[in-house]
Amino acid sequence: MTTYKEAGVDVAAGEEMVDRIKPLVRKTFTPGVLTDIGAFGAFFSVDWKSYNDPVLVSSVDGVGTKLKVAFAMNQHDTVGQDLVNHCVNDIAVCGAKPLFFLDYFSTGKLEQETAVSVVKGFSIACQENGCALIGGETAEMPDIYDAGEYDLAGTIVGVVERESIIDGQRIKAGDALIAFPSSGLHTNGYSLARKVLFSNYSVTDRPGELGGRSVGEALLDVHVSYLSVIETMMSAVDVRGLVHVTGGGIPGNAKRIMPEGLTIDVDYDAWDRPALFSLIQRLGGVPEDDMRSAFNLGIGLIAVVPQADVEQVMTDCADDQPFLIGSVVAT
């Protein structure tokens, strides 16, 4: 006789994990949440009377091979925060406010402490962003993942008034590009970063360029959520476009919102790149074009606003350290 547990799937452990994460998940609940975790479907009620013409906005993403660094460091709460913040940013740059988040956690053998740490990260970021963690899936799949490894995916759903949608259609030549700093690589470019850095260092090594921090610590810096600064700008100035700088770098993401006949003119000397990027480029001899297409280079968000609104943004968002990097030009 062969049991399911002997085949590699421990149903009882999964049920115990759900019980352990319930307090973490409940901390994220907002008034719209109608069900506890564990139901077949998650119910969320939206107060539609608060909106004139609401539009739902959704996005799904993962954190890529940043997970490999988490495995090596045995630190798992930060990647949960990364996933939520990345997904929140993807809809926030459309003008949307997040409502709820769902996660997918898959692994070869369920290690409860690891899984609980990941969910703790989800919970922290959901609370910070004011969105509810209303459901998810934990999949135990023997023979798919190496021991100690797992994968993550997340889905975010938010809402925006139709008249407040930010899609770049109103961008004009001459508009200013205002940048906001990233915390590091965020969740993109890790395949290149790992190939270069781990050919020279271990996760615990502390290169002088990193100011006493280890390579692993620098690579696990949490992806910044820009929801708050976006909301500040939207309430005060004419935000014509927003760019979440992810895979593809500044040029690859900016072109997503540029109207036909327009492009960006970026002064790459307008800011000092964080030391981590310079270290990667120097050690790997990485061409500048690859640096610009693989990494955010220290910029996580770009706002496109009229030149007349630049001073207002600089004043209202001073704590978020905005700086000018260029303008929109005709092609």
C-alpha atoms as a PDB file:
ATOM      1  CA  MET A   1       0.000   0.000   0.000  1.00  0.00           C
ATOM      2  CA  THR A   2       1.271   3.477  -0.922  1.00  0.00           C
ATOM      3  CA  THR A   3      -0.203   6.572   0.732  1.00  0.00           C
ATOM      4  CA  TYR A   4      -0.463  10.104  -0.629  1.00  0.00           C
ATOM      5  CA  LYS A   5       2.016  11.224   2.045  1.00  0.00           C
ATOM      6  CA  GLU A   6       4.506   8.567   0.933  1.00  0.00           C
ATOM      7  CA  ALA A   7       4.103   9.875  -2.609  1.00  0.00           C
ATOM      8  CA  GLY A   8       5.254  13.265  -1.371  1.00  0.00           C
ATOM      9  CA  VAL A   9       2.069  15.195  -0.554  1.00  0.00           C
ATOM     10  CA  ASP A  10       1.227  15.831   3.103  1.00  0.00           C
ATOM     11  CA  VAL A  11      -2.411  16.980   3.230  1.00  0.00           C
ATOM     12  CA  ALA A  12      -2.357  17.325   7.016  1.00  0.00           C
ATOM     13  CA  ALA A  13       0.666  19.630   6.886  1.00  0.00           C
ATOM     14  CA  GLY A  14      -1.126  21.811   4.355  1.00  0.00           C
ATOM     15  CA  GLU A  15      -4.164  22.091   6.578  1.00  0.00           C
ATOM     16  CA  GLU A  16      -1.988  22.949   9.559  1.00  0.00           C
ATOM     17  CA  MET A  17      -0.263  25.679   7.552  1.00  0.00           C
ATOM     18  CA  VAL A  18      -3.608  27.243   6.678  1.00  0.00           C
ATOM     19  CA  ASP A  19      -4.444  27.413  10.373  1.00  0.00           C
ATOM     20  CA  ARG A  20      -1.086  29.060  11.078  1.00  0.00           C
ATOM     21  CA  ILE A  21      -1.438  31.756   8.441  1.00  0.00           C
ATOM     22  CA  LYS A  22      -5.040  32.707   9.242  1.00  0.00           C
ATOM     23  CA  PRO A  23      -4.025  35.369  11.815  1.00  0.00           C
ATOM     24  CA  LEU A  24      -1.589  36.917   9.317  1.00  0.00           C
ATOM     25  CA  VAL A  25      -4.170  36.990   6.551  1.00  0.00           C
ATOM     26  CA  ARG A  26      -6.935  38.391   8.744  1.00  0.00           C
ATOM     27  CA  LYS A  27      -4.745  41.397   9.568  1.00  0.00           C
ATOM     28  CA  THR A  28      -5.117  42.489   5.944  1.00  0.00           C
ATOM     29  CA  PHE A  29      -8.906  42.276   5.819  1.00  0.00           C
ATOM     30  CA  THR A  30     -10.755  45.429   4.801  1.00  0.00           C
ATOM     31  CA  PRO A  31     -14.515  46.068   5.088  1.00  0.00           C
ATOM     32  CA  GLY A  32     -15.078  44.558   1.648  1.00  0.00           C
ATOM     33  CA  VAL A  33     -13.922  41.061   2.643  1.00  0.00           C
ATOM     34  CA  LEU A  34     -16.901  38.728   3.118  1.00  0.00           C
ATOM     35  CA  THR A  35     -15.248  35.337   3.669  1.00  0.00           C
ATOM     36  CA  ASP A  36     -12.432  33.884   5.735  1.00  0.00           C
ATOM     37  CA  ILE A  37      -9.653  31.984   3.986  1.00  0.00           C
ATOM     38  CA  GLY A  38     -10.307  28.352   3.194  1.00  0.00           C
ATOM     39  CA  ALA A  39     -13.489  28.720   1.142  1.00  0.00           C
ATOM     40  CA  PHE A  40     -13.673  27.574  -2.482  1.00  0.00           C
ATOM     41  CA  GLY A  41     -13.870  31.193  -3.608  1.00  0.00           C
ATOM     42  CA  ALA A  42     -13.050  34.537  -2.010  1.00  0.00           C
ATOM     43  CA  PHE A  43     -15.834  37.117  -1.819  1.00  0.00           C
ATOM     44  CA  PHE A  44     -15.217  40.844  -1.902  1.00  0.00           C
ATOM     45  CA  SER A  45     -17.877  43.556  -1.854  1.00  0.00           C
ATOM     46  CA  VAL A  46     -17.132  46.928  -3.437  1.00  0.00           C
ATOM     47  CA  ASP A  47     -19.054  50.043  -2.453  1.00  0.00           C
ATOM     48  CA  TRP A  48     -19.900  50.975  -6.030  1.00  0.00           C
ATOM     49  CA  LYS A  49     -21.971  53.938  -4.834  1.00  0.00           C
ATOM     50  CA  SER A  50     -18.660  55.660  -4.044  1.00  0.00           C
ATOM     51  CA  TYR A  51     -17.784  55.694  -7.750  1.00  0.00           C
ATOM     52  CA  ASN A  52     -19.319  57.377 -10.769  1.00  0.00           C
ATOM     53  CA  ASP A  53     -17.935  55.104 -13.511  1.00  0.00           C
ATOM     54  CA  PRO A  54     -15.644  52.485 -11.948  1.00  0.00           C
ATOM     55  CA  VAL A  55     -13.266  50.328 -13.973  1.00  0.00           C
ATOM     56  CA  LEU A  56     -11.587  47.220 -12.566  1.00  0.00           C
ATOM     57  CA  VAL A  57      -7.841  46.893 -13.189  1.00  0.00           C
ATOM     58  CA  SER A  58      -5.932  43.646 -12.649  1.00  0.00           C
ATOM     59  CA  SER A  59      -2.408  42.306 -13.008  1.00  0.00           C
ATOM     60  CA  VAL A  60      -0.529  39.074 -12.356  1.00  0.00           C
ATOM     61  CA  ASP A  61       3.206  38.635 -11.799  1.00  0.00           C
ATOM     62  CA  GLY A  62       6.004  36.778 -10.037  1.00  0.00           C
ATOM     63  CA  VAL A  63       9.401  37.667  -8.581  1.00  0.00           C
ATOM     64  CA  GLY A  64      11.580  35.697 -10.985  1.00  0.00           C
ATOM     65  CA  THR A  65      14.954  34.328  -9.986  1.00  0.00           C
ATOM     66  CA  LYS A  66      15.205  36.666  -7.018  1.00  0.00           C
ATOM     67  CA  LEU A  67      13.844  33.566  -5.297  1.00  0.00           C
ATOM     68  CA  LYS A  68      17.237  31.902  -5.798  1.00  0.00           C
ATOM     69  CA  VAL A  69      18.771  34.558  -3.551  1.00  0.00           C
ATOM     70  CA  ALA A  70      16.067  34.017  -0.927  1.00  0.00           C
ATOM     71  CA  PHE A  71      16.817  30.286  -0.971  1.00  0.00           C
ATOM     72  CA  ALA A  72      20.542  30.895  -0.532  1.00  0.00           C
ATOM     73  CA  MET A  73      19.958  33.380   2.298  1.00  0.00           C
ATOM     74  CA  ASN A  74      17.181  31.307   3.890  1.00  0.00           C
ATOM     75  CA  GLN A  75      15.176  34.535   4.121  1.00  0.00           C
ATOM     76  CA  HIS A  76      11.635  34.296   2.828  1.00  0.00           C
ATOM     77  CA  ASP A  77       9.499  37.156   4.148  1.00  0.00           C
ATOM     78  CA  THR A  78      10.910  39.826   1.825  1.00  0.00           C
ATOM     79  CA  VAL A  79       9.985  38.076  -1.446  1.00  0.00           C
ATOM     80  CA  GLY A  80       6.370  38.067  -0.306  1.00  0.00           C
ATOM     81  CA  GLN A  81       6.532  41.835   0.071  1.00  0.00           C
ATOM     82  CA  ASP A  82       8.234  42.098  -3.328  1.00  0.00           C
ATOM     83  CA  LEU A  83       5.397  40.286  -5.042  1.00  0.00           C
ATOM     84  CA  VAL A  84       2.616  42.385  -3.520  1.00  0.00           C
ATOM     85  CA  ASN A  85       4.408  45.697  -4.133  1.00  0.00           C
ATOM     86  CA  HIS A  86       5.256  44.795  -7.724  1.00  0.00           C
ATOM     87  CA  CYS A  87       1.630  43.915  -8.470  1.00  0.00           C
ATOM     88  CA  VAL A  88       0.340  47.039  -6.691  1.00  0.00           C
ATOM     89  CA  ASN A  89       2.663  49.245  -8.745  1.00  0.00           C
ATOM     90  CA  ASP A  90       1.504  47.673 -11.991  1.00  0.00           C
ATOM     91  CA  ILE A  91      -2.068  48.844 -11.416  1.00  0.00           C
ATOM     92  CA  ALA A  92      -1.212  52.025  -9.509  1.00  0.00           C
ATOM     93  CA  VAL A  93       0.539  53.425 -12.593  1.00  0.00           C
ATOM     94  CA  CYS A  94      -2.837  53.080 -14.338  1.00  0.00           C
ATOM     95  CA  GLY A  95      -4.368  55.279 -11.636  1.00  0.00           C
ATOM     96  CA  ALA A  96      -5.975  52.377  -9.762  1.00  0.00           C
ATOM     97  CA  LYS A  97      -6.346  51.762  -6.044  1.00  0.00           C
ATOM     98  CA  PRO A  98      -5.764  48.110  -5.027  1.00  0.00           C
ATOM     99  CA  LEU A  99      -8.704  46.208  -3.560  1.00  0.00           C
ATOM    100  CA  PHE A 100      -7.470  42.667  -3.022  1.00  0.00           C
ATOM    101  CA  PHE A 101      -4.594  40.279  -3.683  1.00  0.00           C
ATOM    102  CA  LEU A 102      -4.398  36.522  -4.248  1.00  0.00           C
ATOM    103  CA  ASP A 103      -1.275  34.381  -4.162  1.00  0.00           C
ATOM    104  CA  TYR A 104      -0.005  31.095  -5.551  1.00  0.00           C
ATOM    105  CA  PHE A 105       2.722  29.251  -3.616  1.00  0.00           C
ATOM    106  CA  SER A 106       4.056  26.022  -5.121  1.00  0.00           C
ATOM    107  CA  THR A 107       6.796  23.788  -3.771  1.00  0.00           C
ATOM    108  CA  GLY A 108       8.127  20.229  -3.898  1.00  0.00           C
ATOM    109  CA  LYS A 109       7.765  19.527  -0.182  1.00  0.00           C
ATOM    110  CA  LEU A 110       5.895  21.922   2.065  1.00  0.00           C
ATOM    111  CA  GLU A 111       8.186  23.442   4.680  1.00  0.00           C
ATOM    112  CA  GLN A 112       5.791  25.201   7.007  1.00  0.00           C
ATOM    113  CA  GLU A 113       8.213  27.772   8.425  1.00  0.00           C
ATOM    114  CA  THR A 114       9.201  28.862   4.936  1.00  0.00           C
ATOM    115  CA  ALA A 115       5.628  29.099   3.716  1.00  0.00           C
ATOM    116  CA  VAL A 116       4.499  31.029   6.783  1.00  0.00           C
ATOM    117  CA  SER A 117       7.384  33.488   6.305  1.00  0.00           C
ATOM    118  CA  VAL A 118       6.344  34.092   2.707  1.00  0.00           C
ATOM    119  CA  VAL A 119       2.734  34.716   3.747  1.00  0.00           C
ATOM    120  CA  LYS A 120       3.970  37.034   6.490  1.00  0.00           C
ATOM    121  CA  GLY A 121       5.564  39.098   3.715  1.00  0.00           C
ATOM    122  CA  PHE A 122       2.284  39.141   1.797  1.00  0.00           C
ATOM    123  CA  SER A 123       0.500  40.299   4.944  1.00  0.00           C
ATOM    124  CA  ILE A 124       2.957  43.103   5.690  1.00  0.00           C
ATOM    125  CA  ALA A 125       2.778  44.547   2.181  1.00  0.00           C
ATOM    126  CA  CYS A 126      -0.992  44.154   1.864  1.00  0.00           C
ATOM    127  CA  GLN A 127      -1.472  46.099   5.097  1.00  0.00           C
ATOM    128  CA  GLU A 128       0.927  48.803   3.923  1.00  0.00           C
ATOM    129  CA  ASN A 129      -0.948  49.140   0.624  1.00  0.00           C
ATOM    130  CA  GLY A 130      -4.429  48.967   2.132  1.00  0.00           C
ATOM    131  CA  CYS A 131      -5.448  45.890   0.150  1.00  0.00           C
ATOM    132  CA  ALA A 132      -6.824  42.601   1.427  1.00  0.00           C
ATOM    133  CA  LEU A 133      -5.178  39.202   1.053  1.00  0.00           C
ATOM    134  CA  ILE A 134      -8.379  37.270   0.427  1.00  0.00           C
ATOM    135  CA  GLY A 135      -7.206  33.922  -0.917  1.00  0.00           C
ATOM    136  CA  GLY A 136      -4.542  31.811  -2.508  1.00  0.00           C
ATOM    137  CA  GLU A 137      -3.318  28.358  -3.400  1.00  0.00           C
ATOM    138  CA  THR A 138      -0.606  26.240  -1.819  1.00  0.00           C
ATOM    139  CA  ALA A 139       0.515  23.437  -4.114  1.00  0.00           C
ATOM    140  CA  GLU A 140       2.811  20.617  -3.048  1.00  0.00           C
ATOM    141  CA  MET A 141       4.285  19.017  -6.179  1.00  0.00           C
ATOM    142  CA  PRO A 142       7.012  16.408  -5.632  1.00  0.00           C
ATOM    143  CA  ASP A 143       9.658  16.034  -8.344  1.00  0.00           C
ATOM    144  CA  ILE A 144       8.930  19.497  -9.797  1.00  0.00           C
ATOM    145  CA  TYR A 145      11.121  21.569  -7.455  1.00  0.00           C
ATOM    146  CA  ASP A 146      14.479  20.885  -5.827  1.00  0.00           C
ATOM    147  CA  ALA A 147      14.548  20.550  -2.042  1.00  0.00           C
ATOM    148  CA  GLY A 148      13.973  23.866  -0.301  1.00  0.00           C
ATOM    149  CA  GLU A 149      12.733  25.631  -3.414  1.00  0.00           C
ATOM    150  CA  TYR A 150       9.364  27.113  -4.337  1.00  0.00           C
ATOM    151  CA  ASP A 151       7.753  29.502  -6.789  1.00  0.00           C
ATOM    152  CA  LEU A 152       5.396  32.431  -6.292  1.00  0.00           C
ATOM    153  CA  ALA A 153       2.791  34.225  -8.343  1.00  0.00           C
ATOM    154  CA  GLY A 154       0.320  36.902  -7.358  1.00  0.00           C
ATOM    155  CA  THR A 155      -2.791  38.553  -8.745  1.00  0.00           C
ATOM    156  CA  ILE A 156      -3.978  42.038  -7.801  1.00  0.00           C
ATOM    157  CA  VAL A 157      -7.374  43.604  -8.507  1.00  0.00           C
ATOM    158  CA  GLY A 158      -8.054  47.310  -8.114  1.00  0.00           C
ATOM    159  CA  VAL A 159     -10.434  50.016  -9.239  1.00  0.00           C
ATOM    160  CA  VAL A 160     -10.172  53.410 -10.917  1.00  0.00           C
ATOM    161  CA  GLU A 161     -12.698  55.978 -12.088  1.00  0.00           C
ATOM    162  CA  ARG A 162     -12.826  55.849 -15.875  1.00  0.00           C
ATOM    163  CA  GLU A 163     -12.065  59.577 -16.098  1.00  0.00           C
ATOM    164  CA  SER A 164      -8.999  59.078 -13.879  1.00  0.00           C
ATOM    165  CA  ILE A 165      -7.366  56.294 -15.908  1.00  0.00           C
ATOM    166  CA  ILE A 166      -3.711  57.045 -16.641  1.00  0.00           C
ATOM    167  CA  ASP A 167      -2.721  55.474 -19.955  1.00  0.00           C
ATOM    168  CA  GLY A 168      -0.372  58.014 -21.566  1.00  0.00           C
ATOM    169  CA  GLN A 169      -2.791  59.160 -24.256  1.00  0.00           C
ATOM    170  CA  ARG A 170      -2.505  62.796 -23.145  1.00  0.00           C
ATOM    171  CA  ILE A 171       1.304  62.868 -23.131  1.00  0.00           C
ATOM    172  CA  LYS A 172       2.751  65.692 -25.229  1.00  0.00           C
ATOM    173  CA  ALA A 173       6.192  66.622 -26.528  1.00  0.00           C
ATOM    174  CA  GLY A 174       7.951  68.754 -23.923  1.00  0.00           C
ATOM    175  CA  ASP A 175       6.435  66.996 -20.911  1.00  0.00           C
ATOM    176  CA  ALA A 176       8.881  66.394 -18.072  1.00  0.00           C
ATOM    177  CA  LEU A 177      10.136  63.012 -16.834  1.00  0.00           C
ATOM    178  CA  ILE A 178      10.331  62.924 -13.035  1.00  0.00           C
ATOM    179  CA  ALA A 179      12.020  59.878 -11.522  1.00  0.00           C
ATOM    180  CA  PHE A 180      11.670  58.254  -8.106  1.00  0.00           C
ATOM    181  CA  PRO A 181      14.441  56.042  -6.686  1.00  0.00           C
ATOM    182  CA  SER A 182      14.265  52.266  -6.521  1.00  0.00           C
ATOM    183  CA  SER A 183      15.552  50.301  -3.536  1.00  0.00           C
ATOM    184  CA  GLY A 184      17.771  48.188  -5.761  1.00  0.00           C
ATOM    185  CA  LEU A 185      17.056  45.651  -8.492  1.00  0.00           C
ATOM    186  CA  HIS A 186      13.439  45.280  -7.301  1.00  0.00           C
ATOM    187  CA  THR A 187      12.307  42.063  -9.061  1.00  0.00           C
ATOM    188  CA  ASN A 188      14.005  42.204 -12.459  1.00  0.00           C
ATOM    189  CA  GLY A 189      17.419  41.460 -13.911  1.00  0.00           C
ATOM    190  CA  TYR A 190      18.332  38.771 -11.389  1.00  0.00           C
ATOM    191  CA  SER A 191      19.447  36.173 -13.920  1.00  0.00           C
ATOM    192  CA  LEU A 192      22.165  38.551 -15.143  1.00  0.00           C
ATOM    193  CA  ALA A 193      22.958  39.863 -11.657  1.00  0.00           C
ATOM    194  CA  ARG A 194      23.327  36.368 -10.212  1.00  0.00           C
ATOM    195  CA  LYS A 195      25.509  35.168 -13.084  1.00  0.00           C
ATOM    196  CA  VAL A 196      27.911  38.068 -12.557  1.00  0.00           C
ATOM    197  CA  LEU A 197      27.917  38.407  -8.789  1.00  0.00           C
ATOM    198  CA  PHE A 198      27.932  34.734  -7.859  1.00  0.00           C
ATOM    199  CA  SER A 199      30.819  34.089 -10.226  1.00  0.00           C
ATOM    200  CA  ASN A 200      32.824  36.340  -7.906  1.00  0.00           C
ATOM    201  CA  TYR A 201      31.141  36.270  -4.476  1.00  0.00           C
ATOM    202  CA  SER A 202      28.966  34.235  -2.176  1.00  0.00           C
ATOM    203  CA  VAL A 203      25.756  35.687  -0.714  1.00  0.00           C
ATOM    204  CA  THR A 204      27.580  36.458   2.543  1.00  0.00           C
ATOM    205  CA  ASP A 205      30.559  38.276   1.006  1.00  0.00           C
ATOM    206  CA  ARG A 206      30.715  42.024   1.632  1.00  0.00           C
ATOM    207  CA  PRO A 207      32.339  43.886  -1.286  1.00  0.00           C
ATOM    208  CA  GLY A 208      33.643  47.301  -0.361  1.00  0.00           C
ATOM    209  CA  GLU A 209      31.314  48.963  -2.862  1.00  0.00           C
ATOM    210  CA  LEU A 210      28.264  47.841  -0.876  1.00  0.00           C
ATOM    211  CA  GLY A 211      29.149  49.791   2.255  1.00  0.00           C
ATOM    212  CA  GLY A 212      29.389  46.843   4.624  1.00  0.00           C
ATOM    213  CA  ARG A 213      26.335  45.014   3.351  1.00  0.00           C
ATOM    214  CA  SER A 214      26.503  41.481   2.015  1.00  0.00           C
ATOM    215  CA  VAL A 215      25.708  40.627  -1.585  1.00  0.00           C
ATOM    216  CA  GLY A 216      22.642  38.710  -0.462  1.00  0.00           C
ATOM    217  CA  GLU A 217      21.342  41.584   1.655  1.00  0.00           C
ATOM    218  CA  ALA A 218      21.699  44.034  -1.217  1.00  0.00           C
ATOM    219  CA  LEU A 219      19.935  41.695  -3.643  1.00  0.00           C
ATOM    220  CA  LEU A 220      17.009  41.112  -1.263  1.00  0.00           C
ATOM    221  CA  ASP A 221      16.124  44.782  -0.758  1.00  0.00           C
ATOM    222  CA  VAL A 222      12.333  44.974  -0.887  1.00  0.00           C
ATOM    223  CA  HIS A 223      10.662  46.269  -4.033  1.00  0.00           C
ATOM    224  CA  VAL A 224       9.285  49.752  -3.298  1.00  0.00           C
ATOM    225  CA  SER A 225       5.542  50.425  -3.459  1.00  0.00           C
ATOM    226  CA  TYR A 226       4.851  53.747  -5.184  1.00  0.00           C
ATOM    227  CA  LEU A 227       1.124  53.803  -4.418  1.00  0.00           C
ATOM    228  CA  SER A 228       1.351  56.631  -1.899  1.00  0.00           C
ATOM    229  CA  VAL A 229       3.442  58.958  -4.049  1.00  0.00           C
ATOM    230  CA  ILE A 230       1.238  58.257  -7.071  1.00  0.00           C
ATOM    231  CA  GLU A 231      -1.858  59.176  -5.076  1.00  0.00           C
ATOM    232  CA  THR A 232      -0.152  62.364  -3.901  1.00  0.00           C
ATOM    233  CA  MET A 233       0.662  63.411  -7.464  1.00  0.00           C
ATOM    234  CA  MET A 234      -2.772  62.520  -8.799  1.00  0.00           C
ATOM    235  CA  SER A 235      -4.403  64.746  -6.194  1.00  0.00           C
ATOM    236  CA  ALA A 236      -2.273  67.768  -7.021  1.00  0.00           C
ATOM    237  CA  VAL A 237      -1.039  67.821 -10.640  1.00  0.00           C
ATOM    238  CA  ASP A 238      -1.851  66.659 -14.157  1.00  0.00           C
ATOM    239  CA  VAL A 239      -0.259  63.210 -14.266  1.00  0.00           C
ATOM    240  CA  ARG A 240      -0.233  62.290 -17.946  1.00  0.00           C
ATOM    241  CA  GLY A 241       1.706  59.055 -17.700  1.00  0.00           C
ATOM    242  CA  LEU A 242       3.368  56.749 -15.184  1.00  0.00           C
ATOM    243  CA  VAL A 243       6.053  54.148 -15.806  1.00  0.00           C
ATOM    244  CA  HIS A 244       6.760  51.248 -13.452  1.00  0.00           C
ATOM    245  CA  VAL A 245      10.351  50.394 -14.378  1.00  0.00           C
ATOM    246  CA  THR A 246      10.498  46.598 -14.469  1.00  0.00           C
ATOM    247  CA  GLY A 247      11.832  44.120 -17.041  1.00  0.00           C
ATOM    248  CA  GLY A 248      13.005  46.051 -20.085  1.00  0.00           C
ATOM    249  CA  GLY A 249      14.397  48.918 -18.045  1.00  0.00           C
ATOM    250  CA  ILE A 250      13.522  52.555 -18.592  1.00  0.00           C
ATOM    251  CA  PRO A 251      13.252  52.470 -22.408  1.00  0.00           C
ATOM    252  CA  GLY A 252      11.356  49.178 -22.553  1.00  0.00           C
ATOM    253  CA  ASN A 253       8.702  50.286 -20.095  1.00  0.00           C
ATOM    254  CA  ALA A 254       8.376  53.923 -21.137  1.00  0.00           C
ATOM    255  CA  LYS A 255       7.412  52.918 -24.672  1.00  0.00           C
ATOM    256  CA  ARG A 256       4.343  51.138 -23.276  1.00  0.00           C
ATOM    257  CA  ILE A 257       2.654  54.489 -22.652  1.00  0.00           C
ATOM    258  CA  MET A 258       4.123  56.733 -25.343  1.00  0.00           C
ATOM    259  CA  PRO A 259       1.655  57.906 -28.012  1.00  0.00           C
ATOM    260  CA  GLU A 260       2.682  57.383 -31.616  1.00  0.00           C
ATOM    261  CA  GLY A 261       5.303  59.882 -32.724  1.00  0.00           C
ATOM    262  CA  LEU A 262       6.716  60.476 -29.246  1.00  0.00           C
ATOM    263  CA  THR A 263       9.586  58.991 -27.252  1.00  0.00           C
ATOM    264  CA  ILE A 264      11.659  59.801 -24.177  1.00  0.00           C
ATOM    265  CA  ASP A 265      14.944  61.681 -24.042  1.00  0.00           C
ATOM    266  CA  VAL A 266      16.692  60.513 -20.868  1.00  0.00           C
ATOM    267  CA  ASP A 267      19.858  62.008 -19.453  1.00  0.00           C
ATOM    268  CA  TYR A 268      21.526  58.947 -17.929  1.00  0.00           C
ATOM    269  CA  ASP A 269      24.038  61.229 -16.212  1.00  0.00           C
ATOM    270  CA  ALA A 270      21.278  62.997 -14.261  1.00  0.00           C
ATOM    271  CA  TRP A 271      21.616  60.666 -11.268  1.00  0.00           C
ATOM    272  CA  ASP A 272      24.216  58.557  -9.532  1.00  0.00           C
ATOM    273  CA  ARG A 273      23.579  54.871 -10.028  1.00  0.00           C
ATOM    274  CA  PRO A 274      23.459  52.828  -6.816  1.00  0.00           C
ATOM    275  CA  ALA A 275      26.708  50.972  -6.171  1.00  0.00           C
ATOM    276  CA  LEU A 276      25.154  47.562  -6.800  1.00  0.00           C
ATOM    277  CA  PHE A 277      24.565  48.350 -10.479  1.00  0.00           C
ATOM    278  CA  SER A 278      28.067  49.724 -10.951  1.00  0.00           C
ATOM    279  CA  LEU A 279      29.505  46.621  -9.288  1.00  0.00           C
ATOM    280  CA  ILE A 280      27.583  44.322 -11.639  1.00  0.00           C
ATOM    281  CA  GLN A 281      28.652  46.268 -14.712  1.00  0.00           C
ATOM    282  CA  ARG A 282      32.308  46.363 -13.690  1.00  0.00           C
ATOM    283  CA  LEU A 283      32.616  42.713 -12.644  1.00  0.00           C
ATOM    284  CA  GLY A 284      30.734  41.356 -15.636  1.00  0.00           C
ATOM    285  CA  GLY A 285      31.905  43.801 -18.260  1.00  0.00           C
ATOM    286  CA  VAL A 286      28.205  44.244 -19.005  1.00  0.00           C
ATOM    287  CA  PRO A 287      27.593  46.506 -22.044  1.00  0.00           C
ATOM    288  CA  GLU A 288      25.725  49.722 -21.323  1.00  0.00           C
ATOM    289  CA  ASP A 289      22.851  48.713 -23.596  1.00  0.00           C
ATOM    290  CA  ASP A 290      22.356  45.539 -21.570  1.00  0.00           C
ATOM    291  CA  MET A 291      22.467  47.482 -18.306  1.00  0.00           C
ATOM    292  CA  ARG A 292      19.743  49.804 -19.544  1.00  0.00           C
ATOM    293  CA  SER A 293      17.493  47.003 -20.822  1.00  0.00           C
ATOM    294  CA  ALA A 294      17.965  44.574 -17.914  1.00  0.00           C
ATOM    295  CA  PHE A 295      17.924  46.859 -14.871  1.00  0.00           C
ATOM    296  CA  ASN A 296      16.064  49.855 -13.474  1.00  0.00           C
ATOM    297  CA  LEU A 297      19.464  51.473 -12.708  1.00  0.00           C
ATOM    298  CA  GLY A 298      18.130  53.024  -9.524  1.00  0.00           C
ATOM    299  CA  ILE A 299      14.791  54.339 -10.827  1.00  0.00           C
ATOM    300  CA  GLY A 300      11.587  52.482  -9.982  1.00  0.00           C
ATOM    301  CA  LEU A 301       8.959  54.970 -11.126  1.00  0.00           C
ATOM    302  CA  ILE A 302       8.789  57.738 -13.726  1.00  0.00           C
ATOM    303  CA  ALA A 303       6.020  60.329 -13.810  1.00  0.00           C
ATOM    304  CA  VAL A 304       5.236  62.231 -17.002  1.00  0.00           C
ATOM    305  CA  VAL A 305       3.832  65.677 -16.181  1.00  0.00           C
ATOM    306  CA  PRO A 306       3.636  69.108 -17.849  1.00  0.00           C
ATOM    307  CA  GLN A 307       6.681  71.289 -17.252  1.00  0.00           C
ATOM    308  CA  ALA A 308       4.425  73.692 -15.329  1.00  0.00           C
ATOM    309  CA  ASP A 309       3.755  70.980 -12.703  1.00  0.00           C
ATOM    310  CA  VAL A 310       7.358  69.989 -12.032  1.00  0.00           C
ATOM    311  CA  GLU A 311       7.896  72.350  -9.097  1.00  0.00           C
ATOM    312  CA  GLN A 312       4.668  71.176  -7.453  1.00  0.00           C
ATOM    313  CA  VAL A 313       5.720  67.536  -7.678  1.00  0.00           C
ATOM    314  CA  MET A 314       9.148  68.333  -6.291  1.00  0.00           C
ATOM    315  CA  THR A 315       7.546  70.077  -3.314  1.00  0.00           C
ATOM    316  CA  ASP A 316       4.698  67.682  -2.571  1.00  0.00           C
ATOM    317  CA  CYS A 317       6.795  64.539  -3.010  1.00  0.00           C
ATOM    318  CA  ALA A 318      10.052  65.780  -1.489  1.00  0.00           C
ATOM    319  CA  ASP A 319      10.214  62.879   0.992  1.00  0.00           C
ATOM    320  CA  ASP A 320      10.229  60.448  -1.945  1.00  0.00           C
ATOM    321  CA  GLN A 321      13.318  62.122  -3.462  1.00  0.00           C
ATOM    322  CA  PRO A 322      12.105  62.970  -6.998  1.00  0.00           C
ATOM    323  CA  PHE A 323      14.522  64.234  -9.629  1.00  0.00           C
ATOM    324  CA  LEU A 324      14.341  65.258 -13.283  1.00  0.00           C
ATOM    325  CA  ILE A 325      15.826  62.878 -15.836  1.00  0.00           C
ATOM    326  CA  GLY A 326      14.628  64.262 -19.164  1.00  0.00           C
ATOM    327  CA  SER A 327      11.605  64.994 -21.279  1.00  0.00           C
ATOM    328  CA  VAL A 328       9.257  63.696 -23.958  1.00  0.00           C
ATOM    329  CA  VAL A 329      10.320  64.463 -27.520  1.00  0.00           C
ATOM    330  CA  ALA A 330       9.004  63.868 -31.011  1.00  0.00           C
ATOM    331  CA  THR A 331      10.504  60.928 -32.891  1.00  0.00           C
END
